[in-house]
C-alpha atoms as a PDB file:
ATOM      1  CA  MET A   1      25.347   2.303  42.318  1.00  0.00           C
ATOM      2  CA  ASP A   2      24.318   1.496  45.854  1.00  0.00           C
ATOM      3  CA  PHE A   3      26.302  -0.969  47.960  1.00  0.00           C
ATOM      4  CA  ASP A   4      24.259  -4.058  47.072  1.00  0.00           C
ATOM      5  CA  GLU A   5      24.475  -3.290  43.346  1.00  0.00           C
ATOM      6  CA  VAL A   6      28.254  -3.007  43.558  1.00  0.00           C
ATOM      7  CA  VAL A   7      28.795  -6.228  45.521  1.00  0.00           C
ATOM      8  CA  LEU A   8      26.263  -8.319  43.609  1.00  0.00           C
ATOM      9  CA  GLY A   9      27.226  -6.924  40.207  1.00  0.00           C
ATOM     10  CA  ARG A  10      31.017  -7.022  40.478  1.00  0.00           C
ATOM     11  CA  ARG A  11      32.832  -9.746  38.589  1.00  0.00           C
ATOM     12  CA  SER A  12      36.455 -10.490  37.804  1.00  0.00           C
ATOM     13  CA  ILE A  13      37.651  -8.816  34.597  1.00  0.00           C
ATOM     14  CA  ARG A  14      40.287 -10.573  32.507  1.00  0.00           C
ATOM     15  CA  GLY A  15      40.150  -8.472  29.337  1.00  0.00           C
ATOM     16  CA  TYR A  16      40.828  -4.717  29.297  1.00  0.00           C
ATOM     17  CA  LYS A  17      40.803  -1.739  26.996  1.00  0.00           C
ATOM     18  CA  PRO A  18      44.266  -0.166  26.575  1.00  0.00           C
ATOM     19  CA  ASP A  19      42.982   3.226  27.771  1.00  0.00           C
ATOM     20  CA  PRO A  20      44.984   4.687  30.672  1.00  0.00           C
ATOM     21  CA  VAL A  21      43.458   5.134  34.118  1.00  0.00           C
ATOM     22  CA  PRO A  22      44.010   8.609  35.618  1.00  0.00           C
ATOM     23  CA  GLN A  23      46.120   8.669  38.769  1.00  0.00           C
ATOM     24  CA  PRO A  24      43.616  10.863  40.687  1.00  0.00           C
ATOM     25  CA  LEU A  25      40.925   8.230  40.101  1.00  0.00           C
ATOM     26  CA  ILE A  26      43.191   5.486  41.455  1.00  0.00           C
ATOM     27  CA  GLU A  27      43.986   7.641  44.473  1.00  0.00           C
ATOM     28  CA  GLU A  28      40.257   8.086  45.056  1.00  0.00           C
ATOM     29  CA  ILE A  29      39.736   4.318  44.915  1.00  0.00           C
ATOM     30  CA  LEU A  30      42.594   3.692  47.335  1.00  0.00           C
ATOM     31  CA  THR A  31      41.201   6.281  49.722  1.00  0.00           C
ATOM     32  CA  ILE A  32      37.918   4.369  49.838  1.00  0.00           C
ATOM     33  CA  ALA A  33      39.637   0.980  50.075  1.00  0.00           C
ATOM     34  CA  MET A  34      41.795   2.039  52.990  1.00  0.00           C
ATOM     35  CA  ARG A  35      38.698   2.468  55.138  1.00  0.00           C
ATOM     36  CA  ALA A  36      38.718  -1.343  55.364  1.00  0.00           C
ATOM     37  CA  ALA A  37      38.835  -2.811  58.854  1.00  0.00           C
ATOM     38  CA  SER A  38      42.220  -3.934  60.157  1.00  0.00           C
ATOM     39  CA  SER A  39      43.398  -5.613  63.328  1.00  0.00           C
ATOM     40  CA  MET A  40      43.689  -2.964  66.057  1.00  0.00           C
ATOM     41  CA  ASN A  41      43.893  -0.343  63.279  1.00  0.00           C
ATOM     42  CA  SER A  42      47.331  -1.661  62.278  1.00  0.00           C
ATOM     43  CA  GLN A  43      46.729  -0.851  58.565  1.00  0.00           C
ATOM     44  CA  PRO A  44      49.584  -3.139  57.436  1.00  0.00           C
ATOM     45  CA  TRP A  45      49.021  -2.586  53.714  1.00  0.00           C
ATOM     46  CA  ASN A  46      50.941  -0.620  51.128  1.00  0.00           C
ATOM     47  CA  PHE A  47      50.336  -0.293  47.400  1.00  0.00           C
ATOM     48  CA  TYR A  48      52.698  -0.083  44.447  1.00  0.00           C
ATOM     49  CA  VAL A  49      50.682   1.176  41.484  1.00  0.00           C
ATOM     50  CA  VAL A  50      52.444   0.351  38.232  1.00  0.00           C
ATOM     51  CA  THR A  51      51.670   1.271  34.637  1.00  0.00           C
ATOM     52  CA  GLY A  52      53.439   1.992  31.338  1.00  0.00           C
ATOM     53  CA  GLU A  53      56.958   0.754  30.621  1.00  0.00           C
ATOM     54  CA  PRO A  54      57.688  -0.502  34.171  1.00  0.00           C
ATOM     55  CA  LEU A  55      54.596  -2.717  33.960  1.00  0.00           C
ATOM     56  CA  ASP A  56      55.625  -3.944  30.510  1.00  0.00           C
ATOM     57  CA  ARG A  57      59.018  -4.934  31.943  1.00  0.00           C
ATOM     58  CA  ILE A  58      57.288  -6.893  34.700  1.00  0.00           C
ATOM     59  CA  ARG A  59      55.099  -8.647  32.136  1.00  0.00           C
ATOM     60  CA  ARG A  60      58.104  -9.598  30.014  1.00  0.00           C
ATOM     61  CA  GLY A  61      60.149 -10.750  32.979  1.00  0.00           C
ATOM     62  CA  ASN A  62      57.323 -12.845  34.391  1.00  0.00           C
ATOM     63  CA  THR A  63      56.513 -14.606  31.143  1.00  0.00           C
ATOM     64  CA  GLU A  64      60.120 -15.140  30.054  1.00  0.00           C
ATOM     65  CA  ARG A  65      61.098 -16.676  33.384  1.00  0.00           C
ATOM     66  CA  MET A  66      58.017 -18.874  33.599  1.00  0.00           C
ATOM     67  CA  LEU A  67      58.426 -20.142  30.020  1.00  0.00           C
ATOM     68  CA  ALA A  68      62.109 -20.814  30.747  1.00  0.00           C
ATOM     69  CA  GLY A  69      61.121 -23.000  33.689  1.00  0.00           C
ATOM     70  CA  VAL A  70      62.451 -20.707  36.407  1.00  0.00           C
ATOM     71  CA  PRO A  71      60.843 -21.870  39.688  1.00  0.00           C
ATOM     72  CA  GLN A  72      58.238 -19.484  41.050  1.00  0.00           C
ATOM     73  CA  SER A  73      59.347 -17.279  43.939  1.00  0.00           C
ATOM     74  CA  ARG A  74      56.096 -16.031  45.385  1.00  0.00           C
ATOM     75  CA  GLU A  75      56.787 -14.453  48.768  1.00  0.00           C
ATOM     76  CA  PHE A  76      53.495 -15.168  50.503  1.00  0.00           C
ATOM     77  CA  ARG A  77      53.095 -18.889  51.118  1.00  0.00           C
ATOM     78  CA  ILE A  78      50.970 -20.812  48.647  1.00  0.00           C
ATOM     79  CA  GLY A  79      49.947 -23.761  50.812  1.00  0.00           C
ATOM     80  CA  ASN A  80      48.807 -27.121  49.535  1.00  0.00           C
ATOM     81  CA  ALA A  81      46.956 -27.636  46.276  1.00  0.00           C
ATOM     82  CA  PHE A  82      43.179 -27.457  46.546  1.00  0.00           C
ATOM     83  CA  GLU A  83      41.331 -30.705  47.162  1.00  0.00           C
ATOM     84  CA  ASN A  84      37.717 -31.903  47.372  1.00  0.00           C
ATOM     85  CA  GLN A  85      35.084 -29.132  47.191  1.00  0.00           C
ATOM     86  CA  HIS A  86      37.706 -26.396  46.931  1.00  0.00           C
ATOM     87  CA  ARG A  87      39.243 -28.075  43.905  1.00  0.00           C
ATOM     88  CA  ASP A  88      35.751 -28.591  42.472  1.00  0.00           C
ATOM     89  CA  ARG A  89      35.073 -24.854  42.663  1.00  0.00           C
ATOM     90  CA  GLN A  90      38.434 -24.052  41.087  1.00  0.00           C
ATOM     91  CA  VAL A  91      37.732 -26.419  38.203  1.00  0.00           C
ATOM     92  CA  GLY A  92      34.168 -25.150  37.924  1.00  0.00           C
ATOM     93  CA  VAL A  93      35.112 -21.544  37.252  1.00  0.00           C
ATOM     94  CA  ALA A  94      37.870 -22.658  34.866  1.00  0.00           C
ATOM     95  CA  LYS A  95      35.267 -24.573  32.861  1.00  0.00           C
ATOM     96  CA  GLN A  96      33.065 -21.469  32.762  1.00  0.00           C
ATOM     97  CA  LEU A  97      35.931 -19.336  31.492  1.00  0.00           C
ATOM     98  CA  PHE A  98      37.153 -21.836  28.906  1.00  0.00           C
ATOM     99  CA  ALA A  99      33.614 -22.318  27.606  1.00  0.00           C
ATOM    100  CA  ALA A 100      33.147 -18.557  27.258  1.00  0.00           C
ATOM    101  CA  MET A 101      36.462 -18.243  25.406  1.00  0.00           C
ATOM    102  CA  GLY A 102      35.876 -21.311  23.229  1.00  0.00           C
ATOM    103  CA  ILE A 103      38.984 -23.075  24.537  1.00  0.00           C
ATOM    104  CA  ALA A 104      38.685 -26.816  24.032  1.00  0.00           C
ATOM    105  CA  ARG A 105      40.051 -29.215  26.623  1.00  0.00           C
ATOM    106  CA  ASP A 106      42.665 -30.554  24.184  1.00  0.00           C
ATOM    107  CA  ASP A 107      43.691 -27.150  22.779  1.00  0.00           C
ATOM    108  CA  LYS A 108      47.084 -26.862  24.465  1.00  0.00           C
ATOM    109  CA  GLU A 109      48.083 -23.694  22.624  1.00  0.00           C
ATOM    110  CA  LYS A 110      45.039 -21.696  23.720  1.00  0.00           C
ATOM    111  CA  ARG A 111      45.199 -23.070  27.246  1.00  0.00           C
ATOM    112  CA  GLN A 112      48.855 -22.050  27.478  1.00  0.00           C
ATOM    113  CA  ASP A 113      48.034 -18.584  26.165  1.00  0.00           C
ATOM    114  CA  TRP A 114      45.331 -18.264  28.813  1.00  0.00           C
ATOM    115  CA  VAL A 115      47.816 -19.127  31.547  1.00  0.00           C
ATOM    116  CA  MET A 116      50.291 -16.598  30.166  1.00  0.00           C
ATOM    117  CA  ARG A 117      47.626 -13.877  30.334  1.00  0.00           C
ATOM    118  CA  GLY A 118      47.833 -14.163  34.109  1.00  0.00           C
ATOM    119  CA  PHE A 119      51.590 -13.664  34.112  1.00  0.00           C
ATOM    120  CA  ARG A 120      51.026 -10.605  31.892  1.00  0.00           C
ATOM    121  CA  GLN A 121      48.607  -9.135  34.441  1.00  0.00           C
ATOM    122  CA  PHE A 122      45.820  -9.863  31.946  1.00  0.00           C
ATOM    123  CA  ASP A 123      47.210  -7.036  29.782  1.00  0.00           C
ATOM    124  CA  ALA A 124      45.548  -4.483  32.063  1.00  0.00           C
ATOM    125  CA  PRO A 125      46.869  -0.907  31.858  1.00  0.00           C
ATOM    126  CA  VAL A 126      47.466  -0.802  35.628  1.00  0.00           C
ATOM    127  CA  CYS A 127      48.717  -3.283  38.213  1.00  0.00           C
ATOM    128  CA  ILE A 128      48.327  -2.618  41.925  1.00  0.00           C
ATOM    129  CA  ILE A 129      50.729  -4.699  43.994  1.00  0.00           C
ATOM    130  CA  VAL A 130      49.567  -5.131  47.577  1.00  0.00           C
ATOM    131  CA  THR A 131      52.339  -5.517  50.148  1.00  0.00           C
ATOM    132  CA  TYR A 132      52.501  -5.592  53.916  1.00  0.00           C
ATOM    133  CA  ASP A 133      55.170  -4.546  56.392  1.00  0.00           C
ATOM    134  CA  ARG A 134      57.825  -7.223  56.854  1.00  0.00           C
ATOM    135  CA  ALA A 135      57.845  -6.492  60.594  1.00  0.00           C
ATOM    136  CA  LEU A 136      54.445  -8.236  60.652  1.00  0.00           C
ATOM    137  CA  ASP A 137      55.583 -11.304  58.680  1.00  0.00           C
ATOM    138  CA  GLY A 138      54.292 -14.467  60.331  1.00  0.00           C
ATOM    139  CA  SER A 139      51.197 -12.761  61.694  1.00  0.00           C
ATOM    140  CA  ASP A 140      47.880 -14.136  60.461  1.00  0.00           C
ATOM    141  CA  ASP A 141      46.252 -10.746  60.982  1.00  0.00           C
ATOM    142  CA  ALA A 142      48.346  -8.915  58.367  1.00  0.00           C
ATOM    143  CA  PRO A 143      47.314 -11.046  55.341  1.00  0.00           C
ATOM    144  CA  PHE A 144      43.735 -11.143  56.639  1.00  0.00           C
ATOM    145  CA  ASP A 145      43.719  -7.345  56.693  1.00  0.00           C
ATOM    146  CA  CYS A 146      45.266  -7.198  53.205  1.00  0.00           C
ATOM    147  CA  GLY A 147      42.412  -9.378  51.995  1.00  0.00           C
ATOM    148  CA  ALA A 148      39.951  -6.918  53.466  1.00  0.00           C
ATOM    149  CA  VAL A 149      41.565  -3.928  51.765  1.00  0.00           C
ATOM    150  CA  ALA A 150      41.779  -5.810  48.446  1.00  0.00           C
ATOM    151  CA  ASN A 151      38.062  -6.597  48.612  1.00  0.00           C
ATOM    152  CA  ALA A 152      37.267  -2.961  49.355  1.00  0.00           C
ATOM    153  CA  LEU A 153      39.521  -1.879  46.491  1.00  0.00           C
ATOM    154  CA  VAL A 154      37.893  -4.044  43.833  1.00  0.00           C
ATOM    155  CA  ASN A 155      34.426  -2.930  44.905  1.00  0.00           C
ATOM    156  CA  ALA A 156      35.418   0.755  44.937  1.00  0.00           C
ATOM    157  CA  ALA A 157      36.874   0.338  41.453  1.00  0.00           C
ATOM    158  CA  TRP A 158      33.739  -1.393  40.175  1.00  0.00           C
ATOM    159  CA  SER A 159      31.523   1.400  41.521  1.00  0.00           C
ATOM    160  CA  ARG A 160      33.481   3.794  39.296  1.00  0.00           C
ATOM    161  CA  GLY A 161      33.240   1.727  36.128  1.00  0.00           C
ATOM    162  CA  LEU A 162      36.635   0.035  36.437  1.00  0.00           C
ATOM    163  CA  GLY A 163      37.280  -3.688  36.361  1.00  0.00           C
ATOM    164  CA  THR A 164      39.764  -5.710  38.379  1.00  0.00           C
ATOM    165  CA  VAL A 165      40.956  -9.220  38.995  1.00  0.00           C
ATOM    166  CA  ILE A 166      42.930 -10.258  42.050  1.00  0.00           C
ATOM    167  CA  ASN A 167      45.681 -12.656  41.031  1.00  0.00           C
ATOM    168  CA  SER A 168      48.898 -14.334  42.080  1.00  0.00           C
ATOM    169  CA  GLN A 169      50.400 -15.133  38.679  1.00  0.00           C
ATOM    170  CA  GLY A 170      51.603 -11.565  38.281  1.00  0.00           C
ATOM    171  CA  ILE A 171      53.795 -11.817  41.384  1.00  0.00           C
ATOM    172  CA  MET A 172      55.104 -15.366  40.992  1.00  0.00           C
ATOM    173  CA  GLN A 173      58.507 -14.047  39.901  1.00  0.00           C
ATOM    174  CA  SER A 174      59.068 -11.717  42.821  1.00  0.00           C
ATOM    175  CA  PRO A 175      62.617 -10.546  41.879  1.00  0.00           C
ATOM    176  CA  VAL A 176      61.233  -9.155  38.624  1.00  0.00           C
ATOM    177  CA  VAL A 177      58.355  -7.441  40.414  1.00  0.00           C
ATOM    178  CA  ARG A 178      60.628  -5.999  43.100  1.00  0.00           C
ATOM    179  CA  GLU A 179      63.090  -4.614  40.584  1.00  0.00           C
ATOM    180  CA  HIS A 180      60.689  -2.881  38.234  1.00  0.00           C
ATOM    181  CA  ALA A 181      58.100  -1.757  40.797  1.00  0.00           C
ATOM    182  CA  GLY A 182      60.776  -0.498  43.190  1.00  0.00           C
ATOM    183  CA  ILE A 183      59.371  -2.428  46.130  1.00  0.00           C
ATOM    184  CA  ALA A 184      61.140  -1.659  49.386  1.00  0.00           C
ATOM    185  CA  ALA A 185      63.025  -4.378  51.233  1.00  0.00           C
ATOM    186  CA  ASP A 186      60.846  -3.919  54.306  1.00  0.00           C
ATOM    187  CA  GLN A 187      57.760  -5.056  52.370  1.00  0.00           C
ATOM    188  CA  VAL A 188      56.375  -8.552  51.698  1.00  0.00           C
ATOM    189  CA  ILE A 189      54.604  -8.944  48.339  1.00  0.00           C
ATOM    190  CA  MET A 190      51.112 -10.245  49.024  1.00  0.00           C
ATOM    191  CA  LYS A 191      48.971 -10.028  45.868  1.00  0.00           C
ATOM    192  CA  SER A 192      48.571  -8.188  42.619  1.00  0.00           C
ATOM    193  CA  ILE A 193      45.387  -6.637  41.283  1.00  0.00           C
ATOM    194  CA  ALA A 194      44.953  -5.941  37.574  1.00  0.00           C
ATOM    195  CA  LEU A 195      42.898  -2.796  36.993  1.00  0.00           C
ATOM    196  CA  GLY A 196      41.483  -1.013  33.977  1.00  0.00           C
ATOM    197  CA  TRP A 197      38.448  -0.285  31.845  1.00  0.00           C
ATOM    198  CA  PRO A 198      36.633  -3.547  30.968  1.00  0.00           C
ATOM    199  CA  ASP A 199      36.594  -4.660  27.347  1.00  0.00           C
ATOM    200  CA  GLU A 200      32.954  -5.630  26.957  1.00  0.00           C
ATOM    201  CA  ASP A 201      33.772  -7.621  23.802  1.00  0.00           C
ATOM    202  CA  PHE A 202      36.059  -9.969  25.753  1.00  0.00           C
ATOM    203  CA  ALA A 203      33.895 -13.047  26.298  1.00  0.00           C
ATOM    204  CA  ALA A 204      35.316 -14.130  29.651  1.00  0.00           C
ATOM    205  CA  ASN A 205      34.300 -10.815  31.201  1.00  0.00           C
ATOM    206  CA  ALA A 206      30.674 -11.939  31.137  1.00  0.00           C
ATOM    207  CA  VAL A 207      31.406 -14.935  33.364  1.00  0.00           C
ATOM    208  CA  VAL A 208      29.857 -14.713  36.817  1.00  0.00           C
ATOM    209  CA  SER A 209      31.395 -17.231  39.199  1.00  0.00           C
ATOM    210  CA  GLU A 210      28.979 -19.296  41.256  1.00  0.00           C
ATOM    211  CA  ARG A 211      28.532 -18.777  44.994  1.00  0.00           C
ATOM    212  CA  ARG A 212      27.413 -21.216  47.647  1.00  0.00           C
ATOM    213  CA  PRO A 213      24.044 -20.545  49.275  1.00  0.00           C
ATOM    214  CA  VAL A 214      24.050 -19.045  52.764  1.00  0.00           C
ATOM    215  CA  GLN A 215      22.393 -22.204  54.097  1.00  0.00           C
ATOM    216  CA  GLU A 216      25.460 -24.189  53.095  1.00  0.00           C
ATOM    217  CA  ALA A 217      28.059 -21.767  54.425  1.00  0.00           C
ATOM    218  CA  ALA A 218      26.518 -20.426  57.639  1.00  0.00           C
ATOM    219  CA  VAL A 219      25.690 -22.048  60.975  1.00  0.00           C
ATOM    220  CA  PHE A 220      23.149 -20.081  63.039  1.00  0.00           C
ATOM    221  CA  VAL A 221      23.251 -20.643  66.776  1.00  0.00           C
ATOM    222  CA  GLY A 222      20.645 -19.492  69.300  1.00  0.00           C
ATOM    223  CA  PHE A 223      18.058 -18.276  66.765  1.00  0.00           C
END
């Protein structure tokens, strides 16, 4: 695929085949992703790539703690709940996903199961946890740069037939993630990225989220 095909064709994948992903392929994807721009070439990112039993322990710990009502302990600040047009977009994609999956508004059981999928890393065979150096904590550049490398990562994966979804649910219980992924104390947990081979029979995988037109998002000056 050329660049435009990758960017325009990529979509978030929330249903995966159980097939393993070879480590050399993940290393290849990370090599491409790490060409992302960063502030003054600081390259603040690190990656903990988790699969197998350690990932299963993270899934169990996340879901058990969330169902038990343990408060979330996400390390990177969440900020305020979305409002206005941002909330509208959040609700809009949720409606698309629920419609694809046949989840009715009043079906609490299925809606709860959908939420739990996020805490299970969407049952993907691989989870990539993106962290940044704690020495940079408080800098706006470090999370900005991590966003850039995450975007490059998901596109590199897509170009090789792999699906991803960037999510926060999988890192909401940070003590669990730290323990089973062996994350160093000098790292701040930023995001998690589920990765694997897309299950084409999973209905939500066909959902393409809407994007604003350029005319709405961009202001051109001096043209």
